[in-house]
Amino acid sequence: MPDRGFTPTQLAARAAYLLRGNDLGTMTSAAPRLYPHMWSWDAAFVAVGLAPLSVERAVVELDTLLSAQWKNGMIPHIVFANGIDGYFPGPARWAVSDLAAHAPLGVETSGITQPPVHAIAVQRILENSRRHGRSTRAVAEEFLDRRWADLVRWHRWLAHARDLDGNGRIALYHGWESGMDNSPRWDLAYANVSAGEVPLFRREDLNHVADPAERPTDGEYARYLWLLEEMKVARYEDDALAKTMSFAVEDVFVSAVFSLACEVLANIGEEHSRPNADVRELYGWAERFRHGVVATTDPRSGAAKDFDLRSGRWLTTDTLAMFAPLLCGGLDRQAERALIRTFEGPKFCGHPDLRYAVPPSTSPVSGAFRPREYWRGPVWPVMTWLFSWAFARRGWAERSNMLRAEGLRQASDGSFAEYYEPFTGEPLGSMQQSWTAAAVLDWLG
């Protein structure tokens, strides 16, 4: 069935208009109704989309995020916009200003983090700046001068505070830190979280989504909030969290993203004459976490898996996380080919009933698959973008271009949805999502 959507020129114009509409001045709301603040990895992807439009505005986006960096180096997963309500849990529930010694002054944030994709945004900003005049290039290079130490400090915190056993894998204390909040990846880990009495709450997300079945359940939300209470008891201290949190998992996908981001930042450091010690450290982390990811994989299929630190069990799921090694590399050729075949085959992109040949968040042949429920089945355009970008970086141009073409076909309806039903292509979740528009702008850039 042919798509009758917007032309590329129209789509680019609509995406640019959306980002302007979601612009709060120095930050872009992730989505105007459901997510009215700045989210960490959203902001990185938004900067990727802004860079072809305005390098200067893309720099402002990352500057705002990095201005909320914690004193220990953590970049928080939410930076709250002043005077804007309508999201739960808000600053009062996190209470980081009162409890966390490392929280930034003068800005409200959450107390957890998100996947470290920011070096990719810096790279895209620098690349786009080269297409412009001297003054635009100077803006990008001055940003790198100003923020290099902050970016390295962010990576150093992840490498030290979150690699608990020194095995090259990032530990998370909340499913929200993975970015894939209710993925089947976390079902067993959450099942072992015994939620105590959680202070009364009223969810805001259900006010902005037509079908509550698209969102996590109230039971899941109670566990999410219980973990927040555990963090508050630990006063968000890294050492205390490692010892006391009920939920503690090694996330193989975030670890692969981190390895990739370290290599990207090291490449930037070499090109722009950053301190040799920083560059060496970044390359060292890239290698350590690449080995950490590969150590989780099945030797035949190449599929990666997470690890539950509390139960001591591997978490094997047919989700996007199994393809972590395709982002960071490191597999032997035979295992890598097998993993690519799975990615492109009937368990994922090549499933015969898919509307578009892009990766669903959970395999349609998995018992945990739910085609409309958040990270349990729907297609997320920003994940299609990430794999397309990573494949291009690895020299797999044909595979990258195929994902780009299919991703643009999916986005041609102009809704810029948060995620899509994989069989029908129906837009789901939040509409007018900034990072979906950003992915489209980069693809069309």
Protein backbone atom coordinates (compact mmCIF):
# COMPACT_ATOMS: atom_id res chain seq x y z
CA MET A 1 0.00 0.00 0.00
CA PRO A 2 1.61 3.32 -1.03
CA ASP A 3 2.12 6.02 1.60
CA ARG A 4 0.22 9.22 0.97
CA GLY A 5 2.08 11.44 3.39
CA PHE A 6 3.96 14.70 3.15
CA THR A 7 6.79 15.23 0.68
CA PRO A 8 10.32 15.45 2.14
CA THR A 9 10.29 19.25 1.82
CA GLN A 10 6.91 19.51 3.55
CA LEU A 11 7.97 17.04 6.23
CA ALA A 12 11.17 18.96 6.99
CA ALA A 13 9.20 22.19 7.25
CA ARG A 14 6.69 20.61 9.63
CA ALA A 15 9.48 19.14 11.76
CA ALA A 16 11.25 22.49 12.00
CA TYR A 17 7.94 24.18 12.89
CA LEU A 18 7.35 21.61 15.62
CA LEU A 19 10.75 22.23 17.22
CA ARG A 20 10.14 25.97 17.14
CA GLY A 21 6.75 25.43 18.75
CA ASN A 22 8.26 23.29 21.52
CA ASP A 23 11.08 25.78 22.15
CA LEU A 24 10.92 27.23 25.67
CA GLY A 25 13.76 29.67 25.04
CA THR A 26 16.86 27.88 26.29
CA MET A 27 15.44 24.35 26.28
CA THR A 28 13.05 22.35 24.13
CA SER A 29 10.21 20.50 25.82
CA ALA A 30 10.29 16.82 24.94
CA ALA A 31 6.59 17.11 24.01
CA PRO A 32 4.29 20.03 24.79
CA ARG A 33 1.64 18.20 26.81
CA LEU A 34 2.94 14.90 28.17
CA TYR A 35 6.61 15.88 28.62
CA PRO A 36 6.76 19.67 29.14
CA HIS A 37 10.36 19.73 30.47
CA MET A 38 13.85 18.79 29.20
CA TRP A 39 14.84 15.11 29.22
CA SER A 40 18.54 14.26 28.99
CA TRP A 41 18.71 11.92 26.01
CA ASP A 42 15.80 13.73 24.33
CA ALA A 43 17.87 16.93 24.53
CA ALA A 44 20.80 15.24 22.80
CA PHE A 45 18.60 14.01 19.96
CA VAL A 46 16.88 17.41 19.77
CA ALA A 47 20.31 19.02 19.37
CA VAL A 48 20.99 16.59 16.50
CA GLY A 49 17.82 17.84 14.79
CA LEU A 50 18.47 21.49 15.56
CA ALA A 51 22.01 21.42 14.19
CA PRO A 52 20.99 21.52 10.48
CA LEU A 53 18.64 24.42 11.26
CA SER A 54 20.80 26.43 13.65
CA VAL A 55 24.10 25.34 15.13
CA GLU A 56 23.77 28.22 17.57
CA ARG A 57 20.41 26.99 18.89
CA ALA A 58 21.68 23.40 19.11
CA VAL A 59 24.56 24.65 21.26
CA VAL A 60 22.13 26.44 23.57
CA GLU A 61 20.22 23.17 24.05
CA LEU A 62 23.28 21.27 25.25
CA ASP A 63 24.51 24.24 27.27
CA THR A 64 21.23 24.26 29.20
CA LEU A 65 21.49 20.55 29.90
CA LEU A 66 25.13 20.72 30.97
CA SER A 67 24.38 23.67 33.22
CA ALA A 68 22.22 21.26 35.24
CA GLN A 69 25.03 18.70 35.58
CA TRP A 70 25.53 17.47 39.13
CA LYS A 71 28.77 18.22 41.00
CA ASN A 72 29.72 14.53 40.84
CA GLY A 73 29.43 14.58 37.03
CA MET A 74 26.00 13.01 36.56
CA ILE A 75 23.71 14.50 33.94
CA PRO A 76 20.18 14.17 35.38
CA HIS A 77 17.41 12.64 33.33
CA ILE A 78 15.05 15.63 33.74
CA VAL A 79 15.80 19.35 33.93
CA PHE A 80 12.59 21.01 35.03
CA ALA A 81 11.44 24.17 33.26
CA ASN A 82 10.66 27.03 35.64
CA GLY A 83 6.99 27.71 36.23
CA ILE A 84 5.68 24.73 34.26
CA ASP A 85 3.56 22.11 36.01
CA GLY A 86 1.67 19.17 34.55
CA TYR A 87 4.25 16.41 34.95
CA PHE A 88 4.56 13.81 37.70
CA PRO A 89 6.84 13.13 39.50
CA GLY A 90 7.90 16.77 39.66
CA PRO A 91 10.69 18.50 41.58
CA ALA A 92 8.96 18.26 44.96
CA ARG A 93 8.69 14.48 44.69
CA TRP A 94 12.38 14.10 43.80
CA ALA A 95 13.47 16.60 46.49
CA VAL A 96 17.06 16.56 45.25
CA SER A 97 17.68 20.17 46.27
CA ASP A 98 16.98 19.21 49.87
CA LEU A 99 18.61 15.78 49.95
CA ALA A 100 21.42 15.47 47.40
CA ALA A 101 24.77 17.03 48.23
CA HIS A 102 25.80 16.93 44.56
CA ALA A 103 22.63 18.50 43.13
CA PRO A 104 23.19 21.69 41.11
CA LEU A 105 22.31 25.09 42.54
CA GLY A 106 19.61 27.24 41.01
CA VAL A 107 17.97 24.56 38.86
CA GLU A 108 15.55 21.74 39.65
CA THR A 109 16.33 18.25 38.36
CA SER A 110 15.45 14.61 38.90
CA GLY A 111 17.83 12.33 40.78
CA ILE A 112 18.62 9.68 38.14
CA THR A 113 20.30 9.65 34.75
CA GLN A 114 19.66 8.47 31.16
CA PRO A 115 21.63 6.94 28.25
CA PRO A 116 24.80 8.91 27.39
CA VAL A 117 24.15 9.77 23.74
CA HIS A 118 25.38 13.35 24.07
CA ALA A 119 28.73 12.92 22.31
CA ILE A 120 26.79 12.00 19.19
CA ALA A 121 25.01 15.35 19.37
CA VAL A 122 28.32 17.17 19.79
CA GLN A 123 29.66 15.40 16.71
CA ARG A 124 26.60 16.35 14.65
CA ILE A 125 26.90 19.98 15.79
CA LEU A 126 30.55 20.11 14.75
CA GLU A 127 29.81 18.43 11.40
CA ASN A 128 26.96 20.84 10.61
CA SER A 129 29.06 23.84 11.64
CA ARG A 130 31.59 22.99 8.90
CA ARG A 131 28.90 23.61 6.26
CA HIS A 132 28.58 27.22 7.37
CA GLY A 133 30.79 30.26 7.66
CA ARG A 134 33.62 31.01 10.04
CA SER A 135 31.38 32.54 12.71
CA THR A 136 29.19 29.41 12.96
CA ARG A 137 32.23 27.16 13.15
CA ALA A 138 33.58 29.39 15.90
CA VAL A 139 30.37 28.97 17.90
CA ALA A 140 30.66 25.19 17.75
CA GLU A 141 34.36 25.14 18.60
CA GLU A 142 33.92 27.60 21.45
CA PHE A 143 31.19 25.33 22.83
CA LEU A 144 33.61 22.41 22.72
CA ASP A 145 36.27 24.48 24.51
CA ARG A 146 33.77 25.55 27.16
CA ARG A 147 32.15 22.15 27.75
CA TRP A 148 34.89 19.61 27.04
CA ALA A 149 35.75 19.17 30.72
CA ASP A 150 32.05 18.73 31.60
CA LEU A 151 31.59 16.05 28.93
CA VAL A 152 34.65 14.14 30.12
CA ARG A 153 33.47 14.49 33.73
CA TRP A 154 30.11 12.98 32.71
CA HIS A 155 31.82 10.01 31.11
CA ARG A 156 34.18 9.62 34.07
CA TRP A 157 31.25 9.47 36.49
CA LEU A 158 29.59 6.72 34.46
CA ALA A 159 32.84 4.75 34.18
CA HIS A 160 33.58 4.94 37.90
CA ALA A 161 30.30 5.37 39.81
CA ARG A 162 28.20 3.02 37.67
CA ASP A 163 30.63 0.21 36.74
CA LEU A 164 30.24 -1.48 40.10
CA ASP A 165 32.37 -4.56 39.45
CA GLY A 166 34.80 -3.03 36.97
CA ASN A 167 33.51 -5.38 34.27
CA GLY A 168 32.61 -2.76 31.68
CA ARG A 169 28.86 -2.57 32.21
CA ILE A 170 26.75 0.32 33.48
CA ALA A 171 24.57 -0.36 36.52
CA LEU A 172 21.13 1.25 36.70
CA TYR A 173 18.94 1.69 39.77
CA HIS A 174 15.68 2.43 37.96
CA GLY A 175 14.18 1.26 34.67
CA TRP A 176 13.73 4.93 33.78
CA GLU A 177 17.51 5.26 33.60
CA SER A 178 17.55 2.89 30.63
CA GLY A 179 15.17 5.14 28.68
CA MET A 180 13.12 1.99 28.00
CA ASP A 181 10.96 2.37 31.09
CA ASN A 182 8.64 -0.66 31.04
CA SER A 183 10.58 -2.91 28.66
CA PRO A 184 10.23 -6.67 29.25
CA ARG A 185 13.95 -6.48 29.98
CA TRP A 186 13.09 -5.37 33.50
CA ASP A 187 10.13 -7.63 34.34
CA LEU A 188 12.10 -10.07 36.51
CA ALA A 189 14.08 -7.33 38.22
CA TYR A 190 10.92 -5.38 39.03
CA ALA A 191 9.15 -8.54 40.22
CA ASN A 192 11.73 -8.74 43.01
CA VAL A 193 11.05 -5.16 44.14
CA SER A 194 8.77 -5.28 47.17
CA ALA A 195 7.16 -1.86 47.15
CA GLY A 196 6.36 -0.46 50.55
CA GLU A 197 3.84 2.27 51.20
CA VAL A 198 4.21 4.95 48.55
CA PRO A 199 2.98 8.49 49.27
CA LEU A 200 -0.25 9.30 47.45
CA PHE A 201 0.17 10.22 43.82
CA ARG A 202 -1.87 11.22 40.80
CA ARG A 203 -0.49 10.33 37.40
CA GLU A 204 -0.44 13.07 34.78
CA ASP A 205 0.50 10.88 31.81
CA LEU A 206 -2.94 9.29 31.53
CA ASN A 207 -4.47 12.74 30.99
CA HIS A 208 -2.60 13.10 27.70
CA VAL A 209 -2.89 9.65 26.10
CA ALA A 210 -6.17 8.46 24.58
CA ASP A 211 -5.72 4.79 25.53
CA PRO A 212 -4.34 3.98 29.03
CA ALA A 213 -3.25 0.56 27.70
CA GLU A 214 -0.45 2.36 25.85
CA ARG A 215 1.16 3.32 29.16
CA PRO A 216 2.67 1.43 32.14
CA THR A 217 0.11 0.12 34.63
CA ASP A 218 -0.59 1.63 38.06
CA GLY A 219 1.14 -1.37 39.64
CA GLU A 220 4.26 -0.68 37.61
CA TYR A 221 4.09 2.97 38.54
CA ALA A 222 3.92 2.16 42.25
CA ARG A 223 7.19 0.24 41.91
CA TYR A 224 8.76 3.12 40.00
CA LEU A 225 7.83 5.50 42.81
CA TRP A 226 8.97 3.12 45.53
CA LEU A 227 12.44 3.11 44.00
CA LEU A 228 12.38 6.89 44.10
CA GLU A 229 11.64 6.71 47.84
CA GLU A 230 14.60 4.34 48.29
CA MET A 231 16.83 6.84 46.51
CA LYS A 232 15.68 9.63 48.80
CA VAL A 233 16.56 7.55 51.85
CA ALA A 234 20.04 7.08 50.32
CA ARG A 235 20.16 10.85 49.66
CA TYR A 236 21.16 10.02 46.08
CA GLU A 237 24.70 9.09 47.17
CA ASP A 238 26.42 6.76 44.71
CA ASP A 239 27.88 4.40 47.32
CA ALA A 240 24.61 4.14 49.25
CA LEU A 241 22.56 3.50 46.10
CA ALA A 242 24.87 0.65 45.08
CA LYS A 243 24.30 -1.07 48.42
CA THR A 244 20.64 -0.40 49.14
CA MET A 245 18.58 -0.16 45.94
CA SER A 246 16.07 -2.99 45.38
CA PHE A 247 16.50 -2.59 41.62
CA ALA A 248 20.07 -2.86 40.33
CA VAL A 249 20.80 -4.15 36.84
CA GLU A 250 23.69 -4.02 34.41
CA ASP A 251 22.19 -2.53 31.25
CA VAL A 252 23.93 -3.90 28.18
CA PHE A 253 22.30 -1.37 25.82
CA VAL A 254 23.36 1.67 27.87
CA SER A 255 26.82 0.09 28.17
CA ALA A 256 27.07 -0.20 24.38
CA VAL A 257 25.90 3.40 23.94
CA PHE A 258 28.51 4.47 26.48
CA SER A 259 31.30 2.61 24.68
CA LEU A 260 30.23 4.20 21.40
CA ALA A 261 29.96 7.67 22.98
CA CYS A 262 33.43 7.38 24.52
CA GLU A 263 34.89 6.54 21.12
CA VAL A 264 33.03 9.42 19.46
CA LEU A 265 34.19 11.89 22.11
CA ALA A 266 37.76 10.58 21.88
CA ASN A 267 37.67 11.07 18.09
CA ILE A 268 36.46 14.64 18.62
CA GLY A 269 39.21 15.18 21.19
CA GLU A 270 41.88 14.05 18.74
CA GLU A 271 40.53 16.22 15.94
CA HIS A 272 40.34 19.30 18.17
CA SER A 273 43.57 18.87 20.14
CA ARG A 274 42.00 18.18 23.50
CA PRO A 275 44.30 16.96 26.34
CA ASN A 276 45.99 13.68 25.48
CA ALA A 277 45.20 12.27 28.90
CA ASP A 278 41.47 12.80 28.33
CA VAL A 279 41.60 11.19 24.90
CA ARG A 280 43.50 8.15 26.19
CA GLU A 281 41.04 7.77 29.05
CA LEU A 282 38.06 7.93 26.70
CA TYR A 283 39.53 5.33 24.35
CA GLY A 284 40.24 3.13 27.35
CA TRP A 285 36.62 3.33 28.51
CA ALA A 286 35.39 2.64 24.98
CA GLU A 287 37.42 -0.55 24.89
CA ARG A 288 36.52 -1.67 28.42
CA PHE A 289 32.80 -1.28 27.90
CA ARG A 290 32.96 -2.87 24.44
CA HIS A 291 34.50 -5.94 26.07
CA GLY A 292 31.87 -5.74 28.82
CA VAL A 293 29.06 -5.84 26.25
CA VAL A 294 30.57 -8.69 24.25
CA ALA A 295 31.08 -10.72 27.43
CA THR A 296 27.28 -10.91 27.81
CA THR A 297 26.63 -12.31 24.34
CA ASP A 298 25.69 -15.74 23.13
CA PRO A 299 28.70 -17.00 21.13
CA ARG A 300 26.54 -18.25 18.24
CA SER A 301 23.74 -15.72 17.93
CA GLY A 302 25.69 -12.69 19.13
CA ALA A 303 22.65 -11.61 21.19
CA ALA A 304 23.48 -9.55 24.28
CA LYS A 305 21.73 -9.71 27.64
CA ASP A 306 21.34 -7.66 30.80
CA PHE A 307 22.28 -8.85 34.29
CA ASP A 308 20.24 -8.52 37.48
CA LEU A 309 22.72 -7.70 40.23
CA ARG A 310 20.26 -8.46 43.03
CA SER A 311 19.23 -11.97 41.94
CA GLY A 312 22.50 -12.78 40.17
CA ARG A 313 20.57 -13.79 37.04
CA TRP A 314 21.03 -13.02 33.38
CA LEU A 315 18.02 -11.29 31.78
CA THR A 316 17.55 -12.70 28.29
CA THR A 317 14.83 -10.94 26.29
CA ASP A 318 13.96 -10.49 22.62
CA THR A 319 14.15 -6.70 22.73
CA LEU A 320 16.29 -4.02 21.10
CA ALA A 321 18.86 -4.54 23.86
CA MET A 322 19.99 -7.82 22.32
CA PHE A 323 21.45 -5.80 19.42
CA ALA A 324 23.71 -3.70 21.66
CA PRO A 325 26.90 -5.09 20.04
CA LEU A 326 25.81 -3.74 16.66
CA LEU A 327 26.20 -0.26 18.14
CA CYS A 328 29.63 -0.62 19.74
CA GLY A 329 31.20 -3.49 17.78
CA GLY A 330 33.51 -6.13 19.19
CA LEU A 331 31.81 -9.35 18.10
CA ASP A 332 33.67 -11.86 15.96
CA ARG A 333 32.53 -11.86 12.35
CA GLN A 334 30.40 -14.99 12.53
CA ALA A 335 28.45 -13.88 15.62
CA GLU A 336 28.00 -10.39 14.20
CA ARG A 337 26.58 -11.76 10.96
CA ALA A 338 24.19 -13.95 12.94
CA LEU A 339 23.03 -10.96 14.98
CA ILE A 340 22.49 -8.86 11.86
CA ARG A 341 20.42 -11.68 10.37
CA THR A 342 18.23 -11.63 13.48
CA PHE A 343 17.88 -7.83 13.30
CA GLU A 344 16.88 -7.94 9.64
CA GLY A 345 14.94 -11.22 9.84
CA PRO A 346 11.39 -12.20 10.82
CA LYS A 347 11.93 -11.67 14.57
CA PHE A 348 12.45 -7.94 14.04
CA CYS A 349 12.67 -5.70 10.95
CA GLY A 350 11.76 -8.48 8.53
CA HIS A 351 8.63 -9.68 10.30
CA PRO A 352 6.07 -10.14 7.48
CA ASP A 353 3.30 -8.22 9.24
CA LEU A 354 5.28 -5.05 9.98
CA ARG A 355 3.99 -1.91 8.30
CA TYR A 356 7.54 -0.60 7.92
CA ALA A 357 10.85 -2.49 8.01
CA VAL A 358 12.12 -0.84 11.18
CA PRO A 359 12.94 -2.46 14.54
CA PRO A 360 10.09 -2.79 17.06
CA SER A 361 11.10 -2.33 20.69
CA THR A 362 10.20 -5.97 21.46
CA SER A 363 10.12 -8.83 18.97
CA PRO A 364 6.64 -9.57 17.59
CA VAL A 365 7.30 -13.28 18.17
CA SER A 366 8.06 -12.76 21.88
CA GLY A 367 5.46 -13.71 24.47
CA ALA A 368 6.05 -10.31 26.08
CA PHE A 369 5.16 -8.41 22.90
CA ARG A 370 2.39 -5.82 23.22
CA PRO A 371 1.98 -3.82 19.99
CA ARG A 372 0.54 -0.69 21.63
CA GLU A 373 2.27 -0.60 25.02
CA TYR A 374 5.19 1.82 25.23
CA TRP A 375 8.50 -0.14 25.15
CA ARG A 376 6.83 -3.56 24.97
CA GLY A 377 6.35 -3.62 21.20
CA PRO A 378 5.86 -0.26 19.45
CA VAL A 379 8.41 1.19 17.05
CA TRP A 380 10.30 4.23 18.32
CA PRO A 381 11.61 6.40 15.43
CA VAL A 382 14.48 7.67 17.55
CA MET A 383 15.75 4.09 17.92
CA THR A 384 15.53 3.62 14.15
CA TRP A 385 17.62 6.79 13.84
CA LEU A 386 20.21 5.56 16.36
CA PHE A 387 20.73 2.24 14.61
CA SER A 388 20.80 3.94 11.20
CA TRP A 389 23.43 6.40 12.42
CA ALA A 390 25.51 3.67 14.08
CA PHE A 391 25.34 1.47 10.99
CA ALA A 392 26.57 4.36 8.82
CA ARG A 393 29.44 4.93 11.25
CA ARG A 394 30.38 1.27 10.99
CA GLY A 395 30.45 1.47 7.19
CA TRP A 396 27.19 -0.38 6.59
CA ALA A 397 25.81 2.23 4.22
CA GLU A 398 23.14 0.08 2.59
CA ARG A 399 21.69 -1.04 5.92
CA SER A 400 21.79 2.51 7.25
CA ASN A 401 20.04 3.90 4.17
CA MET A 402 17.34 1.24 4.35
CA LEU A 403 16.49 2.17 7.95
CA ARG A 404 16.51 5.84 7.03
CA ALA A 405 14.18 5.31 4.06
CA GLU A 406 11.75 3.19 6.07
CA GLY A 407 11.91 5.58 9.03
CA LEU A 408 11.02 8.48 6.78
CA ARG A 409 8.14 6.54 5.24
CA GLN A 410 6.80 5.93 8.72
CA ALA A 411 7.20 9.57 9.71
CA SER A 412 5.63 10.91 6.50
CA ASP A 413 2.22 11.12 8.19
CA GLY A 414 3.56 14.26 9.91
CA SER A 415 2.29 13.36 13.40
CA PHE A 416 5.82 12.99 14.81
CA ALA A 417 4.49 10.52 17.33
CA GLU A 418 6.45 9.25 20.30
CA TYR A 419 6.06 5.69 18.99
CA TYR A 420 4.02 3.74 16.41
CA GLU A 421 2.01 0.55 16.30
CA PRO A 422 4.30 -1.79 14.34
CA PHE A 423 1.65 -3.57 12.24
CA THR A 424 -0.70 -0.72 11.33
CA GLY A 425 1.67 2.24 11.56
CA GLU A 426 -0.80 4.05 13.84
CA PRO A 427 0.84 6.92 15.75
CA LEU A 428 0.74 6.30 19.51
CA GLY A 429 1.73 7.91 22.80
CA SER A 430 2.51 11.58 22.76
CA MET A 431 2.12 13.49 19.51
CA GLN A 432 4.41 16.31 18.37
CA GLN A 433 7.38 14.60 20.01
CA SER A 434 10.53 16.70 19.66
CA TRP A 435 13.01 13.88 19.22
CA THR A 436 10.94 12.28 16.46
CA ALA A 437 10.97 15.56 14.58
CA ALA A 438 14.70 15.83 15.25
CA ALA A 439 15.38 12.40 13.78
CA VAL A 440 13.46 13.37 10.64
CA LEU A 441 15.39 16.65 10.29
CA ASP A 442 18.73 14.86 10.53
CA TRP A 443 17.64 12.26 8.00
CA LEU A 444 16.54 14.99 5.61
CA GLY A 445 19.46 17.31 6.42
